[in-house]
Amino acid sequence: MRVMVTGGGTGGHIYPALAFLKYLKSVEPDTQVLYVGTKKGLEDKIVPEAGVPFETIEIQGFRRSLSPENIRTVYLFLNSLKRAKKLIREFKPDVVIGTGGYVSGSVVYMASKLGIPTIVHEQNSVPGVTNKFLSRYATKIATSFHGVEEYFPKEKVVFTGNPRAQEVTDISKSDILKEYDLKVEQPTVVIFGGSRGALKINQAFVEALPKFEGKNYQVLYASGERYYKEFEENFKEAEDKLTNVRVRPYISKMADVLANANLMVGRAGATSIAEMTALGLPGILIPSPYVTNDHQTKNAQNLVNAGAVLMIKDDELTGESLVQAIDSIMLDKSVLEKMSQASLREGVPNSAEKLLSVVKEIIK
């Protein structure tokens, strides 16, 4: 089997694709794969580091305002279709899977025009512009949240979950918390604001620091590289005083850390939610107000309705509200257990397997 995957821009589009390819190669090692992305997206670094064959297409999104740059966007789009056609004809895929981002628009669209079976994978509870456009041409649409099917042709929709979930279920308990000078046996809260961090979460965390003193749980916080220096003095002062709080700019093995935690606090991105629910972790989600169609709020609301998380709106986040929410879960074992079970019910541990079954169905 020959599989072409395309998607880029953010980790939310890249990590599900890589998780699926990892699973695919584990069950069908002879499968040939190719990832198509852009040089400007995170995929340009992440995909080659994962050892996946990688090709690029130059493309960009339209500006919402009237701008001469949109002329260049049209030019790049037309050229991207030519480049996509060339890559498809050279690689000869049996199926093309798009996980989102502008680059997947060109590649999946061209594949459909060439008669190749295609799948669009939507990670969020509200689809982006590209996936809405592609839904008219794709053979199947794989979703990660129930309810998102209302945005697509219903006969094409298959609920698979996010392949990242299956990847993290294979992670075992370990002593990784020792690497952060934390105790392995102590209940642990992991707090982060995404790979780059979030200013509002950093501000609330700094405000919350004195309130963590004497708690019977420990806290591991990832500030994001861009904010660490700004708050470094606060962080170091807290670490000197508090034995149960540790701060790092970035947590490289986040999935391994989460597998040894009891509560996750952070944004409501699709990848974080997939990992959290696969591990059966309860969460406190603070949706970013800066994402398209406010999809993170809708992602979080799904889990609030299921009883798996608490949600704090970005404009309501303070040090006080953060600690109160953490205490309400971590200091009540019955609440912690109830939310953990609800989270586990929302997880899709065989998500990559489900997506592979869709692939096999459409290439028969």
Protein backbone atom coordinates (compact mmCIF):
# COMPACT_ATOMS: atom_id res chain seq x y z
CA MET A 1 0.00 0.00 0.00
CA ARG A 2 1.17 3.54 -0.79
CA VAL A 3 -0.13 6.30 1.49
CA MET A 4 0.30 10.05 1.03
CA VAL A 5 -0.47 12.25 4.03
CA THR A 6 -0.70 16.02 3.92
CA GLY A 7 -1.30 18.66 6.57
CA GLY A 8 0.57 21.43 8.23
CA GLY A 9 0.98 24.72 9.94
CA THR A 10 0.32 23.63 13.52
CA GLY A 11 1.03 20.61 15.66
CA GLY A 12 -2.69 19.84 15.76
CA HIS A 13 -2.52 18.95 12.08
CA ILE A 14 0.87 17.25 12.15
CA TYR A 15 0.88 14.97 15.20
CA PRO A 16 -2.29 13.04 14.31
CA ALA A 17 -0.82 12.36 10.86
CA LEU A 18 2.48 11.14 12.29
CA ALA A 19 0.71 9.03 14.89
CA PHE A 20 -1.30 7.33 12.16
CA LEU A 21 1.78 6.70 10.02
CA LYS A 22 3.62 5.24 13.01
CA TYR A 23 0.76 2.84 13.68
CA LEU A 24 0.44 2.00 9.98
CA LYS A 25 4.12 1.08 9.70
CA SER A 26 3.88 -1.03 12.85
CA VAL A 27 1.09 -3.21 11.45
CA GLU A 28 2.03 -3.07 7.77
CA PRO A 29 5.80 -2.44 7.61
CA ASP A 30 5.96 -2.70 3.82
CA THR A 31 3.67 0.33 3.35
CA GLN A 32 5.30 3.21 1.48
CA VAL A 33 4.48 6.66 2.87
CA LEU A 34 5.05 10.27 1.85
CA TYR A 35 4.21 13.41 3.82
CA VAL A 36 3.52 16.63 1.91
CA GLY A 37 3.74 19.92 3.82
CA THR A 38 5.22 23.40 3.56
CA LYS A 39 8.61 24.86 4.41
CA LYS A 40 7.05 27.54 6.62
CA GLY A 41 5.02 25.22 8.84
CA LEU A 42 6.16 23.26 11.88
CA GLU A 43 6.07 20.13 9.73
CA ASP A 44 9.27 21.18 7.97
CA LYS A 45 11.14 20.33 11.18
CA ILE A 46 8.92 17.78 12.90
CA VAL A 47 8.28 15.38 10.01
CA PRO A 48 11.91 14.83 8.89
CA GLU A 49 12.92 14.39 12.54
CA ALA A 50 10.33 11.60 12.73
CA GLY A 51 12.09 9.86 9.84
CA VAL A 52 9.14 10.22 7.45
CA PRO A 53 9.83 11.01 3.74
CA PHE A 54 8.88 14.64 3.22
CA GLU A 55 8.12 16.92 0.25
CA THR A 56 6.99 20.53 0.26
CA ILE A 57 4.55 22.78 -1.57
CA GLU A 58 4.53 26.57 -1.38
CA ILE A 59 1.14 27.97 -0.45
CA GLN A 60 -0.42 30.56 1.86
CA GLY A 61 -3.85 31.57 3.12
CA PHE A 62 -6.01 34.45 1.98
CA ARG A 63 -5.93 37.68 3.96
CA ARG A 64 -9.33 38.56 5.37
CA SER A 65 -8.92 42.20 4.38
CA LEU A 66 -8.44 43.49 0.84
CA SER A 67 -4.74 43.10 0.24
CA PRO A 68 -2.41 42.92 -2.78
CA GLU A 69 -0.95 39.86 -1.06
CA ASN A 70 -4.09 37.94 -2.05
CA ILE A 71 -2.96 38.17 -5.67
CA ARG A 72 0.15 36.25 -4.69
CA THR A 73 -2.03 33.79 -2.76
CA VAL A 74 -4.00 32.97 -5.92
CA TYR A 75 -0.76 32.58 -7.87
CA LEU A 76 0.68 30.24 -5.23
CA PHE A 77 -2.53 28.20 -5.09
CA LEU A 78 -2.52 27.58 -8.84
CA ASN A 79 1.16 26.64 -8.70
CA SER A 80 0.51 24.40 -5.70
CA LEU A 81 -2.00 22.40 -7.73
CA LYS A 82 0.65 21.78 -10.38
CA ARG A 83 3.16 20.74 -7.74
CA ALA A 84 0.60 18.48 -6.04
CA LYS A 85 -0.22 16.85 -9.36
CA LYS A 86 3.47 16.18 -9.99
CA LEU A 87 4.03 14.66 -6.54
CA ILE A 88 0.93 12.48 -6.82
CA ARG A 89 1.88 11.16 -10.24
CA GLU A 90 5.42 10.42 -9.10
CA PHE A 91 4.46 8.73 -5.81
CA LYS A 92 1.31 7.00 -7.14
CA PRO A 93 -0.56 6.78 -3.80
CA ASP A 94 -3.41 4.35 -3.21
CA VAL A 95 -4.95 6.90 -0.84
CA VAL A 96 -4.36 10.53 0.17
CA ILE A 97 -5.19 11.67 3.71
CA GLY A 98 -5.47 15.37 4.61
CA THR A 99 -5.28 16.45 8.23
CA GLY A 100 -5.83 20.19 7.73
CA GLY A 101 -3.98 23.34 6.79
CA TYR A 102 -3.76 25.10 3.45
CA VAL A 103 -1.37 22.56 1.95
CA SER A 104 -3.86 19.73 2.40
CA GLY A 105 -6.37 21.72 0.35
CA SER A 106 -4.21 21.58 -2.78
CA VAL A 107 -3.09 17.98 -2.37
CA VAL A 108 -6.43 16.39 -1.45
CA TYR A 109 -8.29 18.40 -4.08
CA MET A 110 -5.87 17.37 -6.82
CA ALA A 111 -5.93 13.73 -5.71
CA SER A 112 -9.71 13.68 -5.94
CA LYS A 113 -9.55 15.18 -9.45
CA LEU A 114 -7.12 12.42 -10.42
CA GLY A 115 -9.53 9.76 -9.19
CA ILE A 116 -7.55 8.73 -6.11
CA PRO A 117 -9.48 7.84 -2.91
CA THR A 118 -9.16 10.60 -0.31
CA ILE A 119 -9.84 11.08 3.39
CA VAL A 120 -10.14 14.33 5.30
CA HIS A 121 -9.39 14.03 9.01
CA GLU A 122 -11.02 16.72 11.17
CA GLN A 123 -9.56 16.95 14.68
CA ASN A 124 -11.82 19.66 16.12
CA SER A 125 -15.49 20.07 16.96
CA VAL A 126 -15.78 22.87 14.38
CA PRO A 127 -14.07 22.34 11.00
CA GLY A 128 -11.70 24.81 9.44
CA VAL A 129 -12.18 26.45 6.04
CA THR A 130 -9.93 23.97 4.23
CA ASN A 131 -11.73 20.87 5.46
CA LYS A 132 -15.14 22.38 4.74
CA PHE A 133 -13.98 23.03 1.17
CA LEU A 134 -12.51 19.55 0.78
CA SER A 135 -15.60 17.81 2.15
CA ARG A 136 -17.23 18.24 -1.28
CA TYR A 137 -14.46 16.25 -2.94
CA ALA A 138 -13.19 13.78 -0.33
CA THR A 139 -14.25 10.15 -0.40
CA LYS A 140 -14.61 9.97 3.39
CA ILE A 141 -14.41 12.40 6.32
CA ALA A 142 -12.98 11.09 9.59
CA THR A 143 -14.02 12.99 12.72
CA SER A 144 -12.72 13.20 16.29
CA PHE A 145 -15.77 14.72 18.02
CA HIS A 146 -19.39 13.66 17.90
CA GLY A 147 -21.58 16.44 16.53
CA VAL A 148 -19.14 17.77 13.95
CA GLU A 149 -20.85 15.67 11.27
CA GLU A 150 -23.47 18.41 10.93
CA TYR A 151 -20.91 20.48 8.99
CA PHE A 152 -20.26 17.75 6.41
CA PRO A 153 -22.17 15.53 3.97
CA LYS A 154 -23.44 12.97 6.46
CA GLU A 155 -23.02 9.99 4.16
CA LYS A 156 -19.26 10.59 4.07
CA VAL A 157 -18.66 10.95 7.81
CA VAL A 158 -16.99 8.22 9.89
CA PHE A 159 -16.15 8.74 13.56
CA THR A 160 -12.60 7.52 14.18
CA GLY A 161 -11.20 9.71 16.92
CA ASN A 162 -7.75 11.26 16.81
CA PRO A 163 -4.88 8.83 15.99
CA ARG A 164 -2.73 10.53 18.62
CA ALA A 165 -4.92 8.84 21.24
CA GLN A 166 -3.85 5.33 20.24
CA GLU A 167 -0.21 6.35 20.34
CA VAL A 168 -0.33 7.49 23.98
CA THR A 169 -2.23 4.45 25.25
CA ASP A 170 0.93 2.41 24.70
CA ILE A 171 2.85 4.56 27.21
CA SER A 172 3.48 2.89 30.57
CA LYS A 173 3.84 4.39 34.03
CA SER A 174 7.43 5.39 34.74
CA ASP A 175 9.63 7.47 37.02
CA ILE A 176 9.86 10.34 34.50
CA LEU A 177 8.74 12.87 37.14
CA LYS A 178 12.13 12.43 38.80
CA GLU A 179 13.63 14.21 35.79
CA TYR A 180 11.75 17.30 36.97
CA ASP A 181 12.78 16.94 40.64
CA LEU A 182 9.30 15.77 41.57
CA LYS A 183 8.13 12.75 43.57
CA VAL A 184 6.89 9.76 41.59
CA GLU A 185 4.28 8.75 44.18
CA GLN A 186 2.75 12.19 44.82
CA PRO A 187 -0.47 13.29 43.01
CA THR A 188 0.58 15.53 40.13
CA VAL A 189 -0.97 18.38 38.17
CA VAL A 190 0.51 19.26 34.77
CA ILE A 191 -0.17 22.79 33.52
CA PHE A 192 0.77 24.18 30.11
CA GLY A 193 -0.44 26.66 27.52
CA GLY A 194 0.47 24.87 24.31
CA SER A 195 3.89 24.37 22.71
CA ARG A 196 4.55 28.13 22.63
CA GLY A 197 2.88 28.98 25.91
CA ALA A 198 0.10 31.48 26.62
CA LEU A 199 0.55 34.89 28.25
CA LYS A 200 -2.74 34.79 30.18
CA ILE A 201 -1.97 31.35 31.64
CA ASN A 202 1.53 32.49 32.63
CA GLN A 203 0.12 35.55 34.38
CA ALA A 204 -2.45 33.47 36.26
CA PHE A 205 0.13 30.85 37.21
CA VAL A 206 2.51 33.45 38.64
CA GLU A 207 -0.39 34.87 40.65
CA ALA A 208 -1.26 31.36 41.84
CA LEU A 209 2.25 30.35 42.94
CA PRO A 210 1.99 31.32 46.65
CA LYS A 211 -1.31 29.47 46.90
CA PHE A 212 0.33 26.11 46.06
CA GLU A 213 2.35 26.13 49.27
CA GLY A 214 1.44 23.24 51.57
CA LYS A 215 -0.83 21.48 49.07
CA ASN A 216 -0.75 17.67 49.12
CA TYR A 217 -0.23 17.62 45.35
CA GLN A 218 2.66 18.77 43.19
CA VAL A 219 2.64 20.96 40.10
CA LEU A 220 4.70 20.76 36.91
CA TYR A 221 4.34 23.85 34.73
CA ALA A 222 5.50 24.46 31.16
CA SER A 223 5.63 28.20 30.49
CA GLY A 224 6.57 28.09 26.80
CA GLU A 225 10.01 29.21 25.60
CA ARG A 226 8.81 32.70 24.65
CA TYR A 227 7.53 33.51 28.15
CA TYR A 228 10.06 31.76 30.39
CA LYS A 229 12.57 34.63 30.49
CA GLU A 230 9.82 37.18 31.09
CA PHE A 231 8.73 35.40 34.28
CA GLU A 232 12.01 33.63 35.14
CA GLU A 233 12.57 35.58 38.35
CA ASN A 234 9.10 34.63 39.64
CA PHE A 235 9.61 30.99 38.69
CA LYS A 236 13.02 30.65 40.35
CA GLU A 237 11.84 32.37 43.53
CA ALA A 238 8.90 29.95 43.74
CA GLU A 239 11.06 26.88 43.09
CA ASP A 240 13.45 27.95 45.85
CA LYS A 241 10.59 28.26 48.30
CA LEU A 242 8.19 25.51 47.20
CA THR A 243 9.21 21.85 47.02
CA ASN A 244 6.01 20.89 45.20
CA VAL A 245 6.26 23.26 42.19
CA ARG A 246 8.62 22.92 39.23
CA VAL A 247 8.69 25.08 36.11
CA ARG A 248 10.25 24.37 32.72
CA PRO A 249 10.13 26.34 29.46
CA TYR A 250 9.06 23.20 27.59
CA ILE A 251 8.22 19.57 28.34
CA SER A 252 9.67 17.46 25.54
CA LYS A 253 8.05 14.17 26.56
CA MET A 254 4.60 15.54 27.33
CA ALA A 255 2.72 12.29 26.67
CA ASP A 256 5.03 10.37 29.05
CA VAL A 257 4.55 13.05 31.70
CA LEU A 258 0.77 13.02 31.31
CA ALA A 259 0.76 9.24 31.68
CA ASN A 260 2.16 9.78 35.18
CA ALA A 261 -0.09 12.71 36.13
CA ASN A 262 -3.51 12.97 37.77
CA LEU A 263 -4.83 16.20 36.24
CA MET A 264 -4.13 18.18 33.06
CA VAL A 265 -4.63 21.95 32.87
CA GLY A 266 -4.26 23.80 29.57
CA ARG A 267 -5.75 24.95 26.30
CA ALA A 268 -8.43 22.89 24.55
CA GLY A 269 -6.53 21.89 21.44
CA ALA A 270 -7.46 18.66 19.71
CA THR A 271 -4.15 16.87 20.34
CA SER A 272 -4.12 17.65 24.07
CA ILE A 273 -7.70 16.45 24.40
CA ALA A 274 -6.94 13.24 22.49
CA GLU A 275 -4.03 12.50 24.82
CA MET A 276 -5.96 13.43 27.94
CA THR A 277 -9.00 11.28 27.24
CA ALA A 278 -6.95 8.31 26.00
CA LEU A 279 -5.16 8.33 29.37
CA GLY A 280 -8.38 8.91 31.32
CA LEU A 281 -7.13 12.18 32.79
CA PRO A 282 -9.60 14.76 34.08
CA GLY A 283 -8.86 18.28 32.92
CA ILE A 284 -9.27 21.98 33.48
CA LEU A 285 -9.47 23.53 30.03
CA ILE A 286 -8.89 27.20 29.23
CA PRO A 287 -9.90 27.59 25.56
CA SER A 288 -7.88 30.03 23.50
CA PRO A 289 -10.07 32.91 22.30
CA TYR A 290 -7.78 33.48 19.33
CA VAL A 291 -8.54 30.38 17.24
CA THR A 292 -10.77 30.10 14.18
CA ASN A 293 -14.51 29.84 14.90
CA ASP A 294 -13.78 29.64 18.65
CA HIS A 295 -13.41 25.89 18.12
CA GLN A 296 -11.49 25.32 21.36
CA THR A 297 -14.48 26.43 23.42
CA LYS A 298 -16.64 23.92 21.56
CA ASN A 299 -13.97 21.24 22.03
CA ALA A 300 -13.99 21.90 25.77
CA GLN A 301 -17.77 22.10 26.05
CA ASN A 302 -18.09 18.56 24.70
CA LEU A 303 -16.02 17.31 27.64
CA VAL A 304 -17.75 19.57 30.15
CA ASN A 305 -21.05 17.99 29.07
CA ALA A 306 -19.50 14.55 29.55
CA GLY A 307 -18.35 15.40 33.08
CA ALA A 308 -14.66 14.98 32.23
CA VAL A 309 -13.42 18.56 32.60
CA LEU A 310 -14.00 21.96 34.12
CA MET A 311 -13.74 24.97 31.82
CA ILE A 312 -12.42 28.41 32.72
CA LYS A 313 -12.92 31.12 30.13
CA ASP A 314 -9.77 32.99 29.20
CA ASP A 315 -11.13 36.33 30.42
CA GLU A 316 -12.14 34.75 33.75
CA LEU A 317 -8.78 33.13 34.43
CA THR A 318 -6.97 34.38 37.54
CA GLY A 319 -4.60 32.82 40.04
CA GLU A 320 -7.52 32.42 42.43
CA SER A 321 -9.88 30.77 39.92
CA LEU A 322 -7.10 28.46 38.76
CA VAL A 323 -6.23 27.19 42.24
CA GLN A 324 -9.89 26.86 43.24
CA ALA A 325 -10.57 24.70 40.20
CA ILE A 326 -7.51 22.52 40.84
CA ASP A 327 -8.38 22.10 44.53
CA SER A 328 -11.98 21.14 43.72
CA ILE A 329 -10.64 18.12 41.82
CA MET A 330 -7.35 17.21 43.50
CA LEU A 331 -8.59 17.54 47.08
CA ASP A 332 -11.67 15.35 46.54
CA LYS A 333 -10.83 11.78 45.56
CA SER A 334 -14.41 10.97 44.58
CA VAL A 335 -14.53 13.93 42.16
CA LEU A 336 -11.14 12.98 40.73
CA GLU A 337 -12.20 9.38 40.15
CA LYS A 338 -15.58 10.34 38.67
CA MET A 339 -14.01 12.77 36.21
CA SER A 340 -11.27 10.27 35.32
CA GLN A 341 -13.85 7.67 34.38
CA ALA A 342 -15.79 10.23 32.32
CA SER A 343 -12.60 11.21 30.50
CA LEU A 344 -11.78 7.58 29.75
CA ARG A 345 -15.25 7.06 28.28
CA GLU A 346 -14.64 9.95 25.88
CA GLY A 347 -11.32 8.55 24.69
CA VAL A 348 -10.92 6.53 21.50
CA PRO A 349 -7.97 4.23 22.25
CA ASN A 350 -8.19 2.43 18.89
CA SER A 351 -8.43 5.60 16.80
CA ALA A 352 -5.51 4.86 14.45
CA GLU A 353 -6.90 1.37 13.88
CA LYS A 354 -10.29 2.86 13.02
CA LEU A 355 -8.74 5.26 10.54
CA LEU A 356 -6.83 2.43 8.90
CA SER A 357 -10.08 0.49 8.47
CA VAL A 358 -11.52 3.49 6.58
CA VAL A 359 -8.43 3.54 4.37
CA LYS A 360 -8.79 -0.14 3.53
CA GLU A 361 -12.50 0.26 2.85
CA ILE A 362 -12.06 2.95 0.20
CA ILE A 363 -9.11 1.39 -1.64
CA LYS A 364 -10.67 -2.04 -2.12
